[in-house]
Amino acid sequence: MKHFFLLLFLCLSANIFALKTIHLKNESSLKANIIRENSDNILVDLGYKILLIPRSSVTKIEDVKKEVNNVKTDKKQSFYHEDKNLKRNSIKNLVPKLSEAVVVVNTPSGLGTGFLINENGYLITNYHVIRHEKNIKITMFLNQKQNIETKVYKKIKIISYNTFMDLALLKIDDEPNKKFKYLNLGEFNKNKVGDKVFAIGNPEQISKLKNLLGDKLN
């Protein structure tokens, strides 16, 4: 089910929950996600509160162009990647294979976890992790022969977010030409009750997890 909401967020955040500039009759304006609208009112999400605006107070609504809307895609390369043939595997094999695509999201108020969805540095995290934050850092863990090397990225853009789904789309801009490792998304409707799941998100740092589970993973 979470996969469904993630795909919904990626596909529709630029449309149903698109950021709009709403111009008011008092010559002021605001930028917000429109949740619902009818002939009488417009319900908007300001990120920290929901606001009901009378339609009679609005003069014009315009789209706000965001980077996520300008991502070029074609048949060979999509914004995110699905793998319909994902196979079951052991923890021992999955940790070194997937861990470099899982990152720690650092903010002045705390830590969170995210994962990369394509090689261009786009990643998904929870909205509450970056809510009201401007100084965001991404810590990546690179597998070396004998240990794990950490890499910190400091040029992070908030591309899009949705407060109801508690999801945010970020982009690493430190190395524009770097090709990042990313996770493929599986088909959520193939999962059944009782299936084993493997969670690799770890805001306490993956290196500590490896030290803790070292004997089991080797």
C-alpha atoms as a PDB file:
ATOM      1  CA  MET A   1       0.000   0.000   0.000  1.00  0.00           C
ATOM      2  CA  LYS A   2       2.864   2.404   0.758  1.00  0.00           C
ATOM      3  CA  HIS A   3       4.187   1.838  -2.744  1.00  0.00           C
ATOM      4  CA  PHE A   4       0.809   2.869  -4.142  1.00  0.00           C
ATOM      5  CA  PHE A   5       0.864   6.171  -2.256  1.00  0.00           C
ATOM      6  CA  LEU A   6       4.491   6.777  -3.298  1.00  0.00           C
ATOM      7  CA  LEU A   7       3.624   6.350  -6.981  1.00  0.00           C
ATOM      8  CA  LEU A   8       0.551   8.524  -6.487  1.00  0.00           C
ATOM      9  CA  PHE A   9       2.763  11.217  -4.937  1.00  0.00           C
ATOM     10  CA  LEU A  10       5.326  11.077  -7.770  1.00  0.00           C
ATOM     11  CA  CYS A  11       2.756  11.056 -10.549  1.00  0.00           C
ATOM     12  CA  LEU A  12       0.199  13.504  -9.182  1.00  0.00           C
ATOM     13  CA  SER A  13       2.125  15.973  -7.037  1.00  0.00           C
ATOM     14  CA  ALA A  14       2.639  18.054 -10.170  1.00  0.00           C
ATOM     15  CA  ASN A  15      -1.082  18.000 -10.959  1.00  0.00           C
ATOM     16  CA  ILE A  16      -3.633  17.321  -8.217  1.00  0.00           C
ATOM     17  CA  PHE A  17      -1.411  18.760  -5.495  1.00  0.00           C
ATOM     18  CA  ALA A  18       0.402  21.220  -7.754  1.00  0.00           C
ATOM     19  CA  LEU A  19       1.854  24.368  -6.265  1.00  0.00           C
ATOM     20  CA  LYS A  20      -0.188  27.389  -7.363  1.00  0.00           C
ATOM     21  CA  THR A  21       0.154  31.140  -7.050  1.00  0.00           C
ATOM     22  CA  ILE A  22      -3.177  32.474  -5.813  1.00  0.00           C
ATOM     23  CA  HIS A  23      -3.758  36.185  -6.438  1.00  0.00           C
ATOM     24  CA  LEU A  24      -6.219  37.941  -4.127  1.00  0.00           C
ATOM     25  CA  LYS A  25      -8.349  41.058  -4.573  1.00  0.00           C
ATOM     26  CA  ASN A  26      -6.361  42.958  -1.936  1.00  0.00           C
ATOM     27  CA  GLU A  27      -3.393  42.714  -4.383  1.00  0.00           C
ATOM     28  CA  SER A  28      -1.584  40.147  -2.229  1.00  0.00           C
ATOM     29  CA  SER A  29      -0.774  36.588  -3.318  1.00  0.00           C
ATOM     30  CA  LEU A  30       0.312  33.290  -1.832  1.00  0.00           C
ATOM     31  CA  LYS A  31       1.809  30.030  -3.037  1.00  0.00           C
ATOM     32  CA  ALA A  32       0.108  26.858  -1.860  1.00  0.00           C
ATOM     33  CA  ASN A  33      -1.044  23.386  -2.869  1.00  0.00           C
ATOM     34  CA  ILE A  34      -4.722  23.345  -3.807  1.00  0.00           C
ATOM     35  CA  ILE A  35      -6.431  20.391  -2.125  1.00  0.00           C
ATOM     36  CA  ARG A  36      -9.988  20.974  -3.274  1.00  0.00           C
ATOM     37  CA  GLU A  37     -12.005  23.729  -4.879  1.00  0.00           C
ATOM     38  CA  ASN A  38     -15.603  24.440  -5.810  1.00  0.00           C
ATOM     39  CA  SER A  39     -17.659  27.436  -6.925  1.00  0.00           C
ATOM     40  CA  ASP A  40     -17.636  28.934  -3.418  1.00  0.00           C
ATOM     41  CA  ASN A  41     -14.265  28.144  -1.797  1.00  0.00           C
ATOM     42  CA  ILE A  42     -10.712  26.977  -2.394  1.00  0.00           C
ATOM     43  CA  LEU A  43      -9.054  24.695   0.180  1.00  0.00           C
ATOM     44  CA  VAL A  44      -5.260  25.068   0.182  1.00  0.00           C
ATOM     45  CA  ASP A  45      -2.380  23.427   2.049  1.00  0.00           C
ATOM     46  CA  LEU A  46       0.219  25.911   3.338  1.00  0.00           C
ATOM     47  CA  GLY A  47       2.432  23.153   4.712  1.00  0.00           C
ATOM     48  CA  TYR A  48       1.756  24.017   8.341  1.00  0.00           C
ATOM     49  CA  LYS A  49      -1.998  24.660   8.174  1.00  0.00           C
ATOM     50  CA  ILE A  50      -5.043  24.264   5.938  1.00  0.00           C
ATOM     51  CA  LEU A  51      -6.665  27.484   4.720  1.00  0.00           C
ATOM     52  CA  LEU A  52     -10.132  28.020   3.262  1.00  0.00           C
ATOM     53  CA  ILE A  53     -10.211  30.931   0.814  1.00  0.00           C
ATOM     54  CA  PRO A  54     -13.530  32.330  -0.477  1.00  0.00           C
ATOM     55  CA  ARG A  55     -13.658  32.144  -4.267  1.00  0.00           C
ATOM     56  CA  SER A  56     -14.944  35.720  -4.314  1.00  0.00           C
ATOM     57  CA  SER A  57     -11.605  36.913  -2.846  1.00  0.00           C
ATOM     58  CA  VAL A  58      -9.537  35.368  -5.645  1.00  0.00           C
ATOM     59  CA  THR A  59      -8.726  37.168  -8.880  1.00  0.00           C
ATOM     60  CA  LYS A  60      -6.450  34.657 -10.578  1.00  0.00           C
ATOM     61  CA  ILE A  61      -4.713  31.297 -10.044  1.00  0.00           C
ATOM     62  CA  GLU A  62      -1.472  30.482 -11.837  1.00  0.00           C
ATOM     63  CA  ASP A  63       0.759  27.418 -12.016  1.00  0.00           C
ATOM     64  CA  VAL A  64       4.152  27.601 -10.346  1.00  0.00           C
ATOM     65  CA  LYS A  65       6.768  25.886 -12.468  1.00  0.00           C
ATOM     66  CA  LYS A  66       8.745  23.449 -10.376  1.00  0.00           C
ATOM     67  CA  GLU A  67      11.760  21.359 -11.280  1.00  0.00           C
ATOM     68  CA  VAL A  68       9.840  18.125 -10.850  1.00  0.00           C
ATOM     69  CA  ASN A  69       7.547  19.198 -13.718  1.00  0.00           C
ATOM     70  CA  ASN A  70      10.490  19.752 -16.044  1.00  0.00           C
ATOM     71  CA  VAL A  71      12.192  16.404 -15.629  1.00  0.00           C
ATOM     72  CA  LYS A  72      12.731  14.995 -19.104  1.00  0.00           C
ATOM     73  CA  THR A  73      11.605  11.433 -19.548  1.00  0.00           C
ATOM     74  CA  ASP A  74      11.459   9.055 -22.479  1.00  0.00           C
ATOM     75  CA  LYS A  75      10.733   5.399 -23.076  1.00  0.00           C
ATOM     76  CA  LYS A  76      14.268   4.388 -22.137  1.00  0.00           C
ATOM     77  CA  GLN A  77      14.531   6.445 -18.964  1.00  0.00           C
ATOM     78  CA  SER A  78      11.797   7.376 -16.504  1.00  0.00           C
ATOM     79  CA  PHE A  79      11.839   9.576 -13.444  1.00  0.00           C
ATOM     80  CA  TYR A  80      11.649   6.544 -11.176  1.00  0.00           C
ATOM     81  CA  HIS A  81      12.288   2.895 -11.973  1.00  0.00           C
ATOM     82  CA  GLU A  82      10.077  -0.127 -11.495  1.00  0.00           C
ATOM     83  CA  ASP A  83      11.215  -3.738 -11.486  1.00  0.00           C
ATOM     84  CA  LYS A  84       8.360  -6.171 -11.944  1.00  0.00           C
ATOM     85  CA  ASN A  85      10.705  -9.132 -11.559  1.00  0.00           C
ATOM     86  CA  LEU A  86      12.213  -8.399  -8.149  1.00  0.00           C
ATOM     87  CA  LYS A  87      13.325 -11.655  -6.532  1.00  0.00           C
ATOM     88  CA  ARG A  88      13.505 -12.638  -2.890  1.00  0.00           C
ATOM     89  CA  ASN A  89      16.980 -12.447  -1.444  1.00  0.00           C
ATOM     90  CA  SER A  90      18.810 -12.761   1.859  1.00  0.00           C
ATOM     91  CA  ILE A  91      19.714  -9.889   4.193  1.00  0.00           C
ATOM     92  CA  LYS A  92      23.368 -10.714   3.632  1.00  0.00           C
ATOM     93  CA  ASN A  93      23.024 -10.079  -0.100  1.00  0.00           C
ATOM     94  CA  LEU A  94      20.620  -7.141   0.109  1.00  0.00           C
ATOM     95  CA  VAL A  95      22.579  -4.941   2.549  1.00  0.00           C
ATOM     96  CA  PRO A  96      25.642  -4.347   0.304  1.00  0.00           C
ATOM     97  CA  LYS A  97      23.463  -4.183  -2.800  1.00  0.00           C
ATOM     98  CA  LEU A  98      20.932  -1.606  -1.587  1.00  0.00           C
ATOM     99  CA  SER A  99      22.522   0.337   1.267  1.00  0.00           C
ATOM    100  CA  GLU A 100      24.271   2.959  -0.913  1.00  0.00           C
ATOM    101  CA  ALA A 101      20.877   4.088  -2.220  1.00  0.00           C
ATOM    102  CA  VAL A 102      19.593   4.651   1.336  1.00  0.00           C
ATOM    103  CA  VAL A 103      20.608   7.963   2.895  1.00  0.00           C
ATOM    104  CA  VAL A 104      20.322   9.852   6.150  1.00  0.00           C
ATOM    105  CA  VAL A 105      18.591  13.238   5.906  1.00  0.00           C
ATOM    106  CA  ASN A 106      20.204  15.644   8.394  1.00  0.00           C
ATOM    107  CA  THR A 107      18.537  18.859   9.554  1.00  0.00           C
ATOM    108  CA  PRO A 108      19.256  21.161  12.533  1.00  0.00           C
ATOM    109  CA  SER A 109      16.242  19.672  14.315  1.00  0.00           C
ATOM    110  CA  GLY A 110      16.925  15.982  13.763  1.00  0.00           C
ATOM    111  CA  LEU A 111      17.511  13.023  11.460  1.00  0.00           C
ATOM    112  CA  GLY A 112      15.463  11.044   8.994  1.00  0.00           C
ATOM    113  CA  THR A 113      15.942   8.483   6.262  1.00  0.00           C
ATOM    114  CA  GLY A 114      15.436   8.593   2.510  1.00  0.00           C
ATOM    115  CA  PHE A 115      16.164   6.605  -0.612  1.00  0.00           C
ATOM    116  CA  LEU A 116      17.252   7.544  -4.122  1.00  0.00           C
ATOM    117  CA  ILE A 117      14.808   6.851  -6.949  1.00  0.00           C
ATOM    118  CA  ASN A 118      17.031   7.629  -9.945  1.00  0.00           C
ATOM    119  CA  GLU A 119      20.653   8.181 -10.908  1.00  0.00           C
ATOM    120  CA  ASN A 120      20.251  11.978 -11.068  1.00  0.00           C
ATOM    121  CA  GLY A 121      20.117  12.412  -7.294  1.00  0.00           C
ATOM    122  CA  TYR A 122      16.362  12.587  -6.668  1.00  0.00           C
ATOM    123  CA  LEU A 123      15.280  11.003  -3.403  1.00  0.00           C
ATOM    124  CA  ILE A 124      12.183  10.410  -1.310  1.00  0.00           C
ATOM    125  CA  THR A 125      11.936  11.116   2.408  1.00  0.00           C
ATOM    126  CA  ASN A 126       9.142  11.930   4.850  1.00  0.00           C
ATOM    127  CA  TYR A 127       7.794  15.473   4.825  1.00  0.00           C
ATOM    128  CA  HIS A 128       7.950  15.795   8.617  1.00  0.00           C
ATOM    129  CA  VAL A 129      11.734  15.316   8.416  1.00  0.00           C
ATOM    130  CA  ILE A 130      12.265  18.484   6.332  1.00  0.00           C
ATOM    131  CA  ARG A 131       9.240  20.507   7.449  1.00  0.00           C
ATOM    132  CA  HIS A 132      10.221  24.211   7.812  1.00  0.00           C
ATOM    133  CA  GLU A 133      13.887  23.296   7.213  1.00  0.00           C
ATOM    134  CA  LYS A 134      16.246  25.234   4.946  1.00  0.00           C
ATOM    135  CA  ASN A 135      19.588  23.745   5.978  1.00  0.00           C
ATOM    136  CA  ILE A 136      19.403  20.124   4.790  1.00  0.00           C
ATOM    137  CA  LYS A 137      22.289  17.698   4.391  1.00  0.00           C
ATOM    138  CA  ILE A 138      22.306  14.210   2.917  1.00  0.00           C
ATOM    139  CA  THR A 139      24.694  11.574   4.267  1.00  0.00           C
ATOM    140  CA  MET A 140      25.436   8.635   1.986  1.00  0.00           C
ATOM    141  CA  PHE A 141      27.231   5.429   2.984  1.00  0.00           C
ATOM    142  CA  LEU A 142      29.646   3.977   0.442  1.00  0.00           C
ATOM    143  CA  ASN A 143      30.676   0.341   0.759  1.00  0.00           C
ATOM    144  CA  GLN A 144      34.431  -0.117   0.825  1.00  0.00           C
ATOM    145  CA  LYS A 145      36.353  -3.390   1.147  1.00  0.00           C
ATOM    146  CA  GLN A 146      37.046  -3.079   4.864  1.00  0.00           C
ATOM    147  CA  ASN A 147      34.636  -0.403   6.068  1.00  0.00           C
ATOM    148  CA  ILE A 148      31.909   2.062   5.155  1.00  0.00           C
ATOM    149  CA  GLU A 149      32.878   5.535   3.943  1.00  0.00           C
ATOM    150  CA  THR A 150      30.482   8.425   4.562  1.00  0.00           C
ATOM    151  CA  LYS A 151      29.841  11.136   1.995  1.00  0.00           C
ATOM    152  CA  VAL A 152      27.966  14.319   2.937  1.00  0.00           C
ATOM    153  CA  TYR A 153      26.094  16.453   0.407  1.00  0.00           C
ATOM    154  CA  LYS A 154      25.088  19.989   1.358  1.00  0.00           C
ATOM    155  CA  LYS A 155      23.394  21.407  -1.751  1.00  0.00           C
ATOM    156  CA  ILE A 156      19.915  19.952  -1.345  1.00  0.00           C
ATOM    157  CA  LYS A 157      16.768  21.227  -3.056  1.00  0.00           C
ATOM    158  CA  ILE A 158      13.204  20.578  -1.916  1.00  0.00           C
ATOM    159  CA  ILE A 159      11.471  19.785  -5.203  1.00  0.00           C
ATOM    160  CA  SER A 160       7.992  18.855  -4.008  1.00  0.00           C
ATOM    161  CA  TYR A 161       6.118  17.643  -0.936  1.00  0.00           C
ATOM    162  CA  ASN A 162       2.700  16.525   0.249  1.00  0.00           C
ATOM    163  CA  THR A 163       1.729  16.917   3.874  1.00  0.00           C
ATOM    164  CA  PHE A 164      -1.146  14.420   3.759  1.00  0.00           C
ATOM    165  CA  MET A 165       1.008  11.593   2.403  1.00  0.00           C
ATOM    166  CA  ASP A 166       3.930  12.790   4.555  1.00  0.00           C
ATOM    167  CA  LEU A 167       6.270  12.514   1.567  1.00  0.00           C
ATOM    168  CA  ALA A 168       8.863  14.902   0.155  1.00  0.00           C
ATOM    169  CA  LEU A 169      10.940  14.837  -3.010  1.00  0.00           C
ATOM    170  CA  LEU A 170      14.506  16.191  -2.683  1.00  0.00           C
ATOM    171  CA  LYS A 171      17.430  16.529  -5.080  1.00  0.00           C
ATOM    172  CA  ILE A 172      21.183  16.394  -4.450  1.00  0.00           C
ATOM    173  CA  ASP A 173      22.833  19.197  -6.443  1.00  0.00           C
ATOM    174  CA  ASP A 174      26.463  18.971  -5.234  1.00  0.00           C
ATOM    175  CA  GLU A 175      27.651  16.829  -8.151  1.00  0.00           C
ATOM    176  CA  PRO A 176      25.425  17.424 -11.215  1.00  0.00           C
ATOM    177  CA  ASN A 177      27.252  14.854 -13.366  1.00  0.00           C
ATOM    178  CA  LYS A 178      27.414  12.079 -10.786  1.00  0.00           C
ATOM    179  CA  LYS A 179      25.396   8.924 -11.398  1.00  0.00           C
ATOM    180  CA  PHE A 180      23.898   7.794  -8.094  1.00  0.00           C
ATOM    181  CA  LYS A 181      22.832   4.307  -7.145  1.00  0.00           C
ATOM    182  CA  TYR A 182      19.077   4.057  -6.695  1.00  0.00           C
ATOM    183  CA  LEU A 183      16.336   1.654  -5.653  1.00  0.00           C
ATOM    184  CA  ASN A 184      13.882   0.044  -8.051  1.00  0.00           C
ATOM    185  CA  LEU A 185      10.254   0.011  -6.973  1.00  0.00           C
ATOM    186  CA  GLY A 186       8.395  -3.296  -7.008  1.00  0.00           C
ATOM    187  CA  GLU A 187       4.714  -3.994  -7.564  1.00  0.00           C
ATOM    188  CA  PHE A 188       2.870  -3.445  -4.288  1.00  0.00           C
ATOM    189  CA  ASN A 189      -0.118  -5.575  -5.355  1.00  0.00           C
ATOM    190  CA  LYS A 190       2.085  -8.674  -5.446  1.00  0.00           C
ATOM    191  CA  ASN A 191       2.709  -8.482  -1.691  1.00  0.00           C
ATOM    192  CA  LYS A 192       0.600 -10.708   0.529  1.00  0.00           C
ATOM    193  CA  VAL A 193      -0.121 -10.833   4.231  1.00  0.00           C
ATOM    194  CA  GLY A 194       2.597 -12.901   5.858  1.00  0.00           C
ATOM    195  CA  ASP A 195       5.340 -11.996   3.363  1.00  0.00           C
ATOM    196  CA  LYS A 196       8.666 -11.073   4.915  1.00  0.00           C
ATOM    197  CA  VAL A 197       9.719  -7.444   4.576  1.00  0.00           C
ATOM    198  CA  PHE A 198      13.201  -5.984   4.784  1.00  0.00           C
ATOM    199  CA  ALA A 199      13.541  -2.440   6.180  1.00  0.00           C
ATOM    200  CA  ILE A 200      16.879  -0.722   5.604  1.00  0.00           C
ATOM    201  CA  GLY A 201      15.963   2.810   6.600  1.00  0.00           C
ATOM    202  CA  ASN A 202      18.139   3.721   9.583  1.00  0.00           C
ATOM    203  CA  PRO A 203      18.400   7.292  10.908  1.00  0.00           C
ATOM    204  CA  GLU A 204      20.839   6.047  13.578  1.00  0.00           C
ATOM    205  CA  GLN A 205      23.346   5.577  10.737  1.00  0.00           C
ATOM    206  CA  ILE A 206      23.845   2.465   8.640  1.00  0.00           C
ATOM    207  CA  SER A 207      27.467   2.109   9.752  1.00  0.00           C
ATOM    208  CA  LYS A 208      26.294   1.567  13.336  1.00  0.00           C
ATOM    209  CA  LEU A 209      23.773  -0.989  12.106  1.00  0.00           C
ATOM    210  CA  LYS A 210      26.497  -2.916  10.321  1.00  0.00           C
ATOM    211  CA  ASN A 211      28.650  -2.936  13.448  1.00  0.00           C
ATOM    212  CA  LEU A 212      25.670  -4.140  15.456  1.00  0.00           C
ATOM    213  CA  LEU A 213      24.752  -6.903  13.003  1.00  0.00           C
ATOM    214  CA  GLY A 214      28.239  -7.598  11.695  1.00  0.00           C
ATOM    215  CA  ASP A 215      28.377 -11.223  12.824  1.00  0.00           C
ATOM    216  CA  LYS A 216      24.979 -11.968  11.296  1.00  0.00           C
ATOM    217  CA  LEU A 217      25.743 -10.300   7.963  1.00  0.00           C
ATOM    218  CA  ASN A 218      29.136 -11.955   7.443  1.00  0.00           C
END
